[in-house]
Amino acid sequence: MAHPRMRFTAVYEAGDAWLADCSAHPTLVRTAWSAETLAPIPSGKVWLVAETLLLTSMKALNRIREEHRGPVLVDPELDKAWWLVPLDAAEELADVRQVTVHSPGWPLHCPPTGWHLDTRMWMCRPDGSGRLTDPAVLAAAVGPGGYRPRAEATR
């Protein structure tokens, strides 16, 4: 009989494949996951990492529609969340004090998309589409007024 985690992970294969391919060494990422350890995936090839406090991210997630959210990894024990954002996001988020954008090469220690490892889990899982969170949307969502899509703002 297949290991329960293996069956569960199969549902998220597209997200796992995309995430592993974001590394220069996808085989090492999958090897880490097979050993049930976090895989360090350096930022800068496909995305950068925008770090916030967990509570800040939870509030922002409630303000951003699902179709505008990219992957978000969380670690409740560390009180941190990491948003995957486009490679040009650092400049746009530079003045948002609640967000720290890590430089290219910074390793994000990731579990596979279908299950948690240690205290890390995907709050918004990579789905294989390559969708990332727009930095303008993230900046607005963590700001005082929160992000309001144009259609809602005019109501």
Protein backbone atom coordinates (compact mmCIF):
# COMPACT_ATOMS: atom_id res chain seq x y z
CA MET A 1 0.00 0.00 0.00
CA ALA A 2 1.28 3.47 -0.88
CA HIS A 3 2.38 5.77 1.92
CA PRO A 4 -0.53 8.19 2.69
CA ARG A 5 1.67 11.23 2.15
CA MET A 6 2.66 9.97 -1.30
CA ARG A 7 -1.01 9.74 -2.36
CA PHE A 8 -1.73 13.19 -0.94
CA THR A 9 1.34 14.68 -2.62
CA ALA A 10 0.25 13.29 -6.01
CA VAL A 11 -2.69 15.71 -5.96
CA TYR A 12 -0.20 18.58 -5.88
CA GLU A 13 2.26 17.26 -8.47
CA ALA A 14 1.94 20.31 -10.75
CA GLY A 15 2.83 22.65 -7.89
CA ASP A 16 5.70 20.43 -6.77
CA ALA A 17 7.06 20.21 -10.32
CA TRP A 18 6.94 24.00 -10.74
CA LEU A 19 8.52 24.64 -7.34
CA ALA A 20 11.30 22.10 -7.91
CA ASP A 21 11.98 23.61 -11.35
CA CYS A 22 12.48 27.00 -9.67
CA SER A 23 15.72 25.54 -8.33
CA ALA A 24 18.90 25.11 -10.31
CA HIS A 25 18.86 21.52 -8.99
CA PRO A 26 15.29 20.14 -9.11
CA THR A 27 16.47 16.59 -8.37
CA LEU A 28 18.00 17.73 -5.07
CA VAL A 29 14.73 19.41 -4.14
CA ARG A 30 12.78 16.21 -4.76
CA THR A 31 15.40 14.17 -2.90
CA ALA A 32 15.00 16.43 0.14
CA TRP A 33 11.23 16.04 0.01
CA SER A 34 11.52 12.25 -0.34
CA ALA A 35 13.64 12.30 2.83
CA GLU A 36 10.90 14.43 4.47
CA THR A 37 13.16 17.44 4.90
CA LEU A 38 12.76 21.05 3.79
CA ALA A 39 14.36 21.87 0.44
CA PRO A 40 16.33 25.13 0.21
CA ILE A 41 15.28 26.84 -3.02
CA PRO A 42 17.26 30.00 -3.74
CA SER A 43 15.27 33.01 -4.85
CA GLY A 44 16.20 34.93 -7.98
CA LYS A 45 15.70 32.40 -10.78
CA VAL A 46 11.90 32.76 -11.07
CA TRP A 47 10.80 34.78 -8.04
CA LEU A 48 11.93 36.82 -5.05
CA VAL A 49 10.77 36.29 -1.47
CA ALA A 50 8.82 38.99 0.37
CA GLU A 51 8.77 38.29 4.12
CA THR A 52 6.14 39.51 6.56
CA LEU A 53 4.95 38.67 10.04
CA LEU A 54 2.36 35.91 10.04
CA LEU A 55 -0.47 38.09 11.39
CA THR A 56 0.26 40.74 8.77
CA SER A 57 0.01 38.08 6.08
CA MET A 58 -3.19 36.60 7.46
CA LYS A 59 -4.84 40.02 7.32
CA ALA A 60 -3.47 40.61 3.81
CA LEU A 61 -4.73 37.22 2.60
CA ASN A 62 -8.23 38.22 3.68
CA ARG A 63 -7.93 41.40 1.61
CA ILE A 64 -6.62 39.80 -1.60
CA ARG A 65 -8.89 37.79 -3.85
CA GLU A 66 -7.73 34.26 -4.51
CA GLU A 67 -7.07 34.92 -8.20
CA HIS A 68 -4.59 37.67 -7.23
CA ARG A 69 -2.62 35.57 -4.74
CA GLY A 70 0.57 33.73 -5.53
CA PRO A 71 2.18 31.13 -3.27
CA VAL A 72 2.56 31.98 0.41
CA LEU A 73 4.65 29.82 2.75
CA VAL A 74 4.10 30.20 6.50
CA ASP A 75 5.84 29.13 9.68
CA PRO A 76 3.66 29.79 12.74
CA GLU A 77 6.47 28.91 15.14
CA LEU A 78 8.69 31.64 13.66
CA ASP A 79 5.71 34.01 13.18
CA LYS A 80 6.74 34.49 9.54
CA ALA A 81 5.22 34.28 6.09
CA TRP A 82 6.98 34.35 2.75
CA TRP A 83 5.24 35.54 -0.42
CA LEU A 84 6.61 34.59 -3.84
CA VAL A 85 6.74 37.80 -5.88
CA PRO A 86 8.11 38.74 -9.33
CA LEU A 87 11.81 39.40 -9.81
CA ASP A 88 11.22 43.17 -10.11
CA ALA A 89 9.25 43.46 -6.84
CA ALA A 90 12.04 44.79 -4.59
CA GLU A 91 11.76 48.38 -5.79
CA GLU A 92 7.99 48.50 -5.49
CA LEU A 93 8.04 47.05 -1.95
CA ALA A 94 11.07 49.03 -0.75
CA ASP A 95 8.97 51.60 1.14
CA VAL A 96 6.55 49.12 2.72
CA ARG A 97 7.94 48.71 6.23
CA GLN A 98 5.92 45.57 6.98
CA VAL A 99 7.62 43.72 4.10
CA THR A 100 11.25 42.65 3.67
CA VAL A 101 12.25 41.55 0.19
CA HIS A 102 15.20 39.17 0.28
CA SER A 103 17.88 39.51 -2.36
CA PRO A 104 18.38 36.97 -5.15
CA GLY A 105 20.10 33.84 -3.89
CA TRP A 106 18.34 33.90 -0.50
CA PRO A 107 17.24 30.32 0.22
CA LEU A 108 13.60 29.67 1.05
CA HIS A 109 13.37 26.35 2.89
CA CYS A 110 10.27 24.76 1.39
CA PRO A 111 8.11 21.72 2.03
CA PRO A 112 6.37 20.15 -0.94
CA THR A 113 3.05 21.76 -1.81
CA GLY A 114 0.79 19.01 -0.47
CA TRP A 115 1.90 18.71 3.13
CA HIS A 116 3.79 20.47 5.90
CA LEU A 117 7.26 19.76 7.21
CA ASP A 118 8.56 20.84 10.57
CA THR A 119 6.42 23.91 11.22
CA ARG A 120 6.18 25.11 7.60
CA MET A 121 3.21 24.81 5.27
CA TRP A 122 1.86 26.49 2.17
CA MET A 123 -1.01 28.80 3.07
CA CYS A 124 -1.49 29.41 -0.66
CA ARG A 125 0.06 26.53 -2.56
CA PRO A 126 1.98 26.78 -5.82
CA ASP A 127 -0.37 25.32 -8.44
CA GLY A 128 2.07 24.94 -11.30
CA SER A 129 0.78 27.99 -13.18
CA GLY A 130 3.69 30.23 -12.18
CA ARG A 131 1.33 32.84 -10.74
CA LEU A 132 3.06 35.17 -8.26
CA THR A 133 1.65 37.92 -6.06
CA ASP A 134 1.76 41.34 -7.69
CA PRO A 135 3.87 43.59 -5.42
CA ALA A 136 1.40 46.50 -5.79
CA VAL A 137 -1.42 44.27 -4.57
CA LEU A 138 0.69 43.02 -1.65
CA ALA A 139 1.76 46.56 -0.71
CA ALA A 140 -1.83 47.76 -0.71
CA ALA A 141 -3.04 44.74 1.28
CA VAL A 142 -0.55 45.18 4.11
CA GLY A 143 -1.06 48.95 4.20
CA PRO A 144 -3.52 50.72 6.48
CA GLY A 145 -6.48 50.76 4.09
CA GLY A 146 -5.94 47.38 2.52
CA TYR A 147 -6.20 46.43 -1.13
CA ARG A 148 -9.52 47.19 -2.81
CA PRO A 149 -9.96 46.04 -6.42
CA ARG A 150 -11.20 48.91 -8.63
CA ALA A 151 -14.66 47.38 -9.09
CA GLU A 152 -15.15 47.24 -5.32
CA ALA A 153 -13.69 50.69 -4.71
CA THR A 154 -16.37 52.38 -6.81
CA ARG A 155 -19.33 50.67 -5.12
